[in-house]
Amino acid sequence: DITEGDRDIQILQFSTGVANHEDLTE
């Protein structure tokens, strides 16, 4: 209700990897 995101904001995630998934690859 406040925001659905902003493509100008970048987030750095430290982890051990992300699966190749159609909802994420873009």
PDB file of all heavy atoms in Angstrom:
ATOM      1  N   ASP A   1       0.828  -1.207   0.000  1.00  0.00           N
ATOM      2  CA  ASP A   1       0.000   0.000   0.000  1.00  0.00           C
ATOM      3  C   ASP A   1       0.863   1.259   0.000  1.00  0.00           C
ATOM      4  O   ASP A   1       0.430   2.319  -0.438  1.00  0.00           O
ATOM      5  CB  ASP A   1      -0.926   0.026   1.219  1.00  0.00           C
ATOM      6  CG  ASP A   1      -2.083  -0.959   1.091  1.00  0.00           C
ATOM      7  OD1 ASP A   1      -2.403  -1.354  -0.053  1.00  0.00           O
ATOM      8  OD2 ASP A   1      -2.647  -1.328   2.127  1.00  0.00           O
ATOM      9  N   ILE A   2       2.103   1.136   0.484  1.00  0.00           N
ATOM     10  CA  ILE A   2       3.031   2.267   0.522  1.00  0.00           C
ATOM     11  C   ILE A   2       3.833   2.338  -0.778  1.00  0.00           C
ATOM     12  O   ILE A   2       3.951   3.389  -1.391  1.00  0.00           O
ATOM     13  CB  ILE A   2       3.963   2.144   1.735  1.00  0.00           C
ATOM     14  CG1 ILE A   2       3.128   2.170   3.022  1.00  0.00           C
ATOM     15  CG2 ILE A   2       5.020   3.251   1.722  1.00  0.00           C
ATOM     16  CD1 ILE A   2       3.884   1.771   4.264  1.00  0.00           C
ATOM     17  N   THR A   3       4.399   1.208  -1.210  1.00  0.00           N
ATOM     18  CA  THR A   3       5.164   1.159  -2.457  1.00  0.00           C
ATOM     19  C   THR A   3       5.234  -0.273  -2.961  1.00  0.00           C
ATOM     20  O   THR A   3       5.203  -1.211  -2.162  1.00  0.00           O
ATOM     21  CB  THR A   3       6.593   1.718  -2.280  1.00  0.00           C
ATOM     22  OG1 THR A   3       7.259   1.687  -3.549  1.00  0.00           O
ATOM     23  CG2 THR A   3       7.395   0.899  -1.282  1.00  0.00           C
ATOM     24  N   GLU A   4       5.327  -0.433  -4.251  1.00  0.00           N
ATOM     25  CA  GLU A   4       5.534  -1.748  -4.854  1.00  0.00           C
ATOM     26  C   GLU A   4       6.939  -1.837  -5.445  1.00  0.00           C
ATOM     27  O   GLU A   4       7.219  -2.693  -6.279  1.00  0.00           O
ATOM     28  CB  GLU A   4       4.474  -2.024  -5.910  1.00  0.00           C
ATOM     29  CG  GLU A   4       3.095  -2.182  -5.292  1.00  0.00           C
ATOM     30  CD  GLU A   4       2.037  -2.528  -6.306  1.00  0.00           C
ATOM     31  OE1 GLU A   4       2.355  -2.818  -7.463  1.00  0.00           O
ATOM     32  OE2 GLU A   4       0.852  -2.500  -5.918  1.00  0.00           O
ATOM     33  N   GLY A   5       7.814  -0.948  -5.012  1.00  0.00           N
ATOM     34  CA  GLY A   5       9.206  -1.008  -5.450  1.00  0.00           C
ATOM     35  C   GLY A   5       9.573   0.124  -6.371  1.00  0.00           C
ATOM     36  O   GLY A   5       8.737   0.888  -6.832  1.00  0.00           O
ATOM     37  N   ASP A   6      10.879   0.207  -6.621  1.00  0.00           N
ATOM     38  CA  ASP A   6      11.429   1.260  -7.462  1.00  0.00           C
ATOM     39  C   ASP A   6      12.648   0.682  -8.179  1.00  0.00           C
ATOM     40  O   ASP A   6      13.614   0.280  -7.539  1.00  0.00           O
ATOM     41  CB  ASP A   6      11.831   2.454  -6.586  1.00  0.00           C
ATOM     42  CG  ASP A   6      12.350   3.622  -7.376  1.00  0.00           C
ATOM     43  OD1 ASP A   6      12.828   3.436  -8.508  1.00  0.00           O
ATOM     44  OD2 ASP A   6      12.285   4.747  -6.844  1.00  0.00           O
ATOM     45  N   ARG A   7      12.600   0.622  -9.493  1.00  0.00           N
ATOM     46  CA  ARG A   7      13.706   0.038 -10.267  1.00  0.00           C
ATOM     47  C   ARG A   7      15.010   0.815 -10.118  1.00  0.00           C
ATOM     48  O   ARG A   7      16.070   0.324 -10.453  1.00  0.00           O
ATOM     49  CB  ARG A   7      13.333  -0.070 -11.731  1.00  0.00           C
ATOM     50  CG  ARG A   7      12.322  -1.172 -11.979  1.00  0.00           C
ATOM     51  CD  ARG A   7      12.531  -1.710 -13.383  1.00  0.00           C
ATOM     52  NE  ARG A   7      11.837  -2.939 -13.610  1.00  0.00           N
ATOM     53  CZ  ARG A   7      12.367  -4.145 -13.394  1.00  0.00           C
ATOM     54  NH1 ARG A   7      13.565  -4.260 -12.923  1.00  0.00           N
ATOM     55  NH2 ARG A   7      11.687  -5.228 -13.657  1.00  0.00           N
ATOM     56  N   ASP A   8      14.956   2.033  -9.604  1.00  0.00           N
ATOM     57  CA  ASP A   8      16.169   2.824  -9.407  1.00  0.00           C
ATOM     58  C   ASP A   8      16.920   2.426  -8.133  1.00  0.00           C
ATOM     59  O   ASP A   8      18.038   2.863  -7.910  1.00  0.00           O
ATOM     60  CB  ASP A   8      15.840   4.311  -9.356  1.00  0.00           C
ATOM     61  CG  ASP A   8      15.379   4.838 -10.704  1.00  0.00           C
ATOM     62  OD1 ASP A   8      15.783   4.265 -11.742  1.00  0.00           O
ATOM     63  OD2 ASP A   8      14.608   5.811 -10.720  1.00  0.00           O
ATOM     64  N   ILE A   9      16.295   1.620  -7.292  1.00  0.00           N
ATOM     65  CA  ILE A   9      16.931   1.169  -6.054  1.00  0.00           C
ATOM     66  C   ILE A   9      17.584  -0.182  -6.297  1.00  0.00           C
ATOM     67  O   ILE A   9      16.962  -1.100  -6.815  1.00  0.00           O
ATOM     68  CB  ILE A   9      15.899   1.066  -4.913  1.00  0.00           C
ATOM     69  CG1 ILE A   9      15.332   2.437  -4.594  1.00  0.00           C
ATOM     70  CG2 ILE A   9      16.525   0.417  -3.675  1.00  0.00           C
ATOM     71  CD1 ILE A   9      14.207   2.413  -3.596  1.00  0.00           C
ATOM     72  N   GLN A  10      18.864  -0.290  -5.939  1.00  0.00           N
ATOM     73  CA  GLN A  10      19.589  -1.546  -6.062  1.00  0.00           C
ATOM     74  C   GLN A  10      19.881  -2.093  -4.676  1.00  0.00           C
ATOM     75  O   GLN A  10      20.217  -1.339  -3.757  1.00  0.00           O
ATOM     76  CB  GLN A  10      20.891  -1.343  -6.824  1.00  0.00           C
ATOM     77  CG  GLN A  10      20.661  -0.927  -8.260  1.00  0.00           C
ATOM     78  CD  GLN A  10      21.965  -0.778  -9.020  1.00  0.00           C
ATOM     79  OE1 GLN A  10      23.048  -0.993  -8.494  1.00  0.00           O
ATOM     80  NE2 GLN A  10      21.862  -0.430 -10.278  1.00  0.00           N
ATOM     81  N   ILE A  11      19.754  -3.403  -4.528  1.00  0.00           N
ATOM     82  CA  ILE A  11      20.010  -4.063  -3.247  1.00  0.00           C
ATOM     83  C   ILE A  11      21.110  -5.089  -3.458  1.00  0.00           C
ATOM     84  O   ILE A  11      21.050  -5.890  -4.386  1.00  0.00           O
ATOM     85  CB  ILE A  11      18.737  -4.767  -2.728  1.00  0.00           C
ATOM     86  CG1 ILE A  11      17.631  -3.740  -2.481  1.00  0.00           C
ATOM     87  CG2 ILE A  11      19.036  -5.559  -1.462  1.00  0.00           C
ATOM     88  CD1 ILE A  11      16.290  -4.358  -2.160  1.00  0.00           C
ATOM     89  N   LEU A  12      22.101  -5.082  -2.590  1.00  0.00           N
ATOM     90  CA  LEU A  12      23.177  -6.056  -2.639  1.00  0.00           C
ATOM     91  C   LEU A  12      22.864  -7.153  -1.642  1.00  0.00           C
ATOM     92  O   LEU A  12      22.628  -6.893  -0.467  1.00  0.00           O
ATOM     93  CB  LEU A  12      24.512  -5.394  -2.290  1.00  0.00           C
ATOM     94  CG  LEU A  12      25.715  -6.316  -2.212  1.00  0.00           C
ATOM     95  CD1 LEU A  12      25.978  -6.972  -3.572  1.00  0.00           C
ATOM     96  CD2 LEU A  12      26.929  -5.538  -1.752  1.00  0.00           C
ATOM     97  N   GLN A  13      22.838  -8.384  -2.133  1.00  0.00           N
ATOM     98  CA  GLN A  13      22.545  -9.533  -1.282  1.00  0.00           C
ATOM     99  C   GLN A  13      23.769 -10.420  -1.234  1.00  0.00           C
ATOM    100  O   GLN A  13      24.240 -10.897  -2.254  1.00  0.00           O
ATOM    101  CB  GLN A  13      21.353 -10.315  -1.840  1.00  0.00           C
ATOM    102  CG  GLN A  13      21.098 -11.614  -1.107  1.00  0.00           C
ATOM    103  CD  GLN A  13      19.999 -12.429  -1.752  1.00  0.00           C
ATOM    104  OE1 GLN A  13      19.050 -11.896  -2.287  1.00  0.00           O
ATOM    105  NE2 GLN A  13      20.129 -13.740  -1.706  1.00  0.00           N
ATOM    106  N   PHE A  14      24.302 -10.640  -0.040  1.00  0.00           N
ATOM    107  CA  PHE A  14      25.402 -11.580   0.142  1.00  0.00           C
ATOM    108  C   PHE A  14      24.805 -12.927   0.487  1.00  0.00           C
ATOM    109  O   PHE A  14      24.119 -13.075   1.488  1.00  0.00           O
ATOM    110  CB  PHE A  14      26.331 -11.134   1.282  1.00  0.00           C
ATOM    111  CG  PHE A  14      27.180  -9.965   0.915  1.00  0.00           C
ATOM    112  CD1 PHE A  14      26.837  -8.695   1.318  1.00  0.00           C
ATOM    113  CD2 PHE A  14      28.322 -10.145   0.150  1.00  0.00           C
ATOM    114  CE1 PHE A  14      27.624  -7.610   0.991  1.00  0.00           C
ATOM    115  CE2 PHE A  14      29.119  -9.076  -0.193  1.00  0.00           C
ATOM    116  CZ  PHE A  14      28.767  -7.803   0.224  1.00  0.00           C
ATOM    117  N   SER A  15      25.056 -13.921  -0.340  1.00  0.00           N
ATOM    118  CA  SER A  15      24.537 -15.252  -0.098  1.00  0.00           C
ATOM    119  C   SER A  15      25.383 -16.226  -0.904  1.00  0.00           C
ATOM    120  O   SER A  15      26.400 -15.844  -1.479  1.00  0.00           O
ATOM    121  CB  SER A  15      23.060 -15.332  -0.510  1.00  0.00           C
ATOM    122  OG  SER A  15      22.499 -16.546  -0.061  1.00  0.00           O
ATOM    123  N   THR A  16      24.936 -17.454  -0.978  1.00  0.00           N
ATOM    124  CA  THR A  16      25.703 -18.465  -1.699  1.00  0.00           C
ATOM    125  C   THR A  16      25.075 -18.824  -3.030  1.00  0.00           C
ATOM    126  O   THR A  16      25.322 -19.879  -3.565  1.00  0.00           O
ATOM    127  CB  THR A  16      25.861 -19.730  -0.847  1.00  0.00           C
ATOM    128  OG1 THR A  16      24.570 -20.180  -0.450  1.00  0.00           O
ATOM    129  CG2 THR A  16      26.711 -19.461   0.364  1.00  0.00           C
ATOM    130  N   GLY A  17      24.280 -17.961  -3.576  1.00  0.00           N
ATOM    131  CA  GLY A  17      23.737 -18.193  -4.903  1.00  0.00           C
ATOM    132  C   GLY A  17      22.228 -18.161  -4.960  1.00  0.00           C
ATOM    133  O   GLY A  17      21.545 -18.268  -3.953  1.00  0.00           O
ATOM    134  N   VAL A  18      21.735 -18.005  -6.180  1.00  0.00           N
ATOM    135  CA  VAL A  18      20.305 -17.916  -6.437  1.00  0.00           C
ATOM    136  C   VAL A  18      19.974 -18.849  -7.597  1.00  0.00           C
ATOM    137  O   VAL A  18      20.693 -18.886  -8.593  1.00  0.00           O
ATOM    138  CB  VAL A  18      19.909 -16.468  -6.802  1.00  0.00           C
ATOM    139  CG1 VAL A  18      18.450 -16.374  -7.166  1.00  0.00           C
ATOM    140  CG2 VAL A  18      20.244 -15.523  -5.657  1.00  0.00           C
ATOM    141  N   ALA A  19      18.904 -19.606  -7.468  1.00  0.00           N
ATOM    142  CA  ALA A  19      18.494 -20.511  -8.541  1.00  0.00           C
ATOM    143  C   ALA A  19      18.103 -19.725  -9.784  1.00  0.00           C
ATOM    144  O   ALA A  19      17.610 -18.600  -9.699  1.00  0.00           O
ATOM    145  CB  ALA A  19      17.317 -21.374  -8.087  1.00  0.00           C
ATOM    146  N   ASN A  20      18.311 -20.313 -10.924  1.00  0.00           N
ATOM    147  CA  ASN A  20      17.904 -19.722 -12.198  1.00  0.00           C
ATOM    148  C   ASN A  20      16.398 -19.924 -12.332  1.00  0.00           C
ATOM    149  O   ASN A  20      15.937 -20.965 -12.763  1.00  0.00           O
ATOM    150  CB  ASN A  20      18.656 -20.387 -13.336  1.00  0.00           C
ATOM    151  CG  ASN A  20      18.421 -19.688 -14.652  1.00  0.00           C
ATOM    152  OD1 ASN A  20      17.724 -18.684 -14.718  1.00  0.00           O
ATOM    153  ND2 ASN A  20      19.008 -20.223 -15.697  1.00  0.00           N
ATOM    154  N   HIS A  21      15.633 -18.927 -11.933  1.00  0.00           N
ATOM    155  CA  HIS A  21      14.170 -19.023 -11.912  1.00  0.00           C
ATOM    156  C   HIS A  21      13.582 -17.865 -12.710  1.00  0.00           C
ATOM    157  O   HIS A  21      14.050 -16.730 -12.610  1.00  0.00           O
ATOM    158  CB  HIS A  21      13.670 -18.975 -10.468  1.00  0.00           C
ATOM    159  CG  HIS A  21      12.215 -19.274 -10.327  1.00  0.00           C
ATOM    160  ND1 HIS A  21      11.246 -18.327 -10.580  1.00  0.00           N
ATOM    161  CD2 HIS A  21      11.569 -20.403  -9.987  1.00  0.00           C
ATOM    162  CE1 HIS A  21      10.051 -18.862 -10.388  1.00  0.00           C
ATOM    163  NE2 HIS A  21      10.220 -20.122 -10.017  1.00  0.00           N
ATOM    164  N   GLU A  22      12.535 -18.128 -13.459  1.00  0.00           N
ATOM    165  CA  GLU A  22      11.944 -17.117 -14.347  1.00  0.00           C
ATOM    166  C   GLU A  22      11.487 -15.863 -13.617  1.00  0.00           C
ATOM    167  O   GLU A  22      11.443 -14.788 -14.195  1.00  0.00           O
ATOM    168  CB  GLU A  22      10.779 -17.719 -15.131  1.00  0.00           C
ATOM    169  CG  GLU A  22       9.614 -18.138 -14.248  1.00  0.00           C
ATOM    170  CD  GLU A  22       8.529 -18.891 -15.009  1.00  0.00           C
ATOM    171  OE1 GLU A  22       8.877 -19.783 -15.801  1.00  0.00           O
ATOM    172  OE2 GLU A  22       7.351 -18.577 -14.797  1.00  0.00           O
ATOM    173  N   ASP A  23      11.137 -15.967 -12.346  1.00  0.00           N
ATOM    174  CA  ASP A  23      10.712 -14.787 -11.581  1.00  0.00           C
ATOM    175  C   ASP A  23      11.886 -13.935 -11.115  1.00  0.00           C
ATOM    176  O   ASP A  23      11.687 -12.826 -10.633  1.00  0.00           O
ATOM    177  CB  ASP A  23       9.907 -15.201 -10.351  1.00  0.00           C
ATOM    178  CG  ASP A  23       8.473 -15.541 -10.688  1.00  0.00           C
ATOM    179  OD1 ASP A  23       8.068 -15.342 -11.853  1.00  0.00           O
ATOM    180  OD2 ASP A  23       7.753 -16.011  -9.804  1.00  0.00           O
ATOM    181  N   LEU A  24      13.116 -14.466 -11.221  1.00  0.00           N
ATOM    182  CA  LEU A  24      14.274 -13.769 -10.670  1.00  0.00           C
ATOM    183  C   LEU A  24      15.287 -13.308 -11.714  1.00  0.00           C
ATOM    184  O   LEU A  24      15.942 -12.291 -11.522  1.00  0.00           O
ATOM    185  CB  LEU A  24      14.989 -14.667  -9.658  1.00  0.00           C
ATOM    186  CG  LEU A  24      14.156 -15.146  -8.475  1.00  0.00           C
ATOM    187  CD1 LEU A  24      14.952 -16.122  -7.635  1.00  0.00           C
ATOM    188  CD2 LEU A  24      13.685 -13.972  -7.648  1.00  0.00           C
ATOM    189  N   THR A  25      15.455 -14.053 -12.797  1.00  0.00           N
ATOM    190  CA  THR A  25      16.568 -13.799 -13.715  1.00  0.00           C
ATOM    191  C   THR A  25      16.583 -12.385 -14.280  1.00  0.00           C
ATOM    192  O   THR A  25      17.648 -11.835 -14.521  1.00  0.00           O
ATOM    193  CB  THR A  25      16.575 -14.817 -14.868  1.00  0.00           C
ATOM    194  OG1 THR A  25      15.303 -14.810 -15.512  1.00  0.00           O
ATOM    195  CG2 THR A  25      16.869 -16.216 -14.363  1.00  0.00           C
ATOM    196  N   GLU A  26      15.446 -11.784 -14.460  1.00  0.00           N
ATOM    197  CA  GLU A  26      15.364 -10.426 -14.990  1.00  0.00           C
ATOM    198  C   GLU A  26      15.903  -9.396 -13.995  1.00  0.00           C
ATOM    199  O   GLU A  26      16.365  -8.329 -14.381  1.00  0.00           O
ATOM    200  CB  GLU A  26      13.897 -10.130 -15.321  1.00  0.00           C
ATOM    201  CG  GLU A  26      13.578  -8.729 -15.692  1.00  0.00           C
ATOM    202  CD  GLU A  26      12.080  -8.557 -15.943  1.00  0.00           C
ATOM    203  OE1 GLU A  26      11.450  -9.428 -16.566  1.00  0.00           O
ATOM    204  OE2 GLU A  26      11.539  -7.543 -15.489  1.00  0.00           O
TER     205      GLU A  26
END
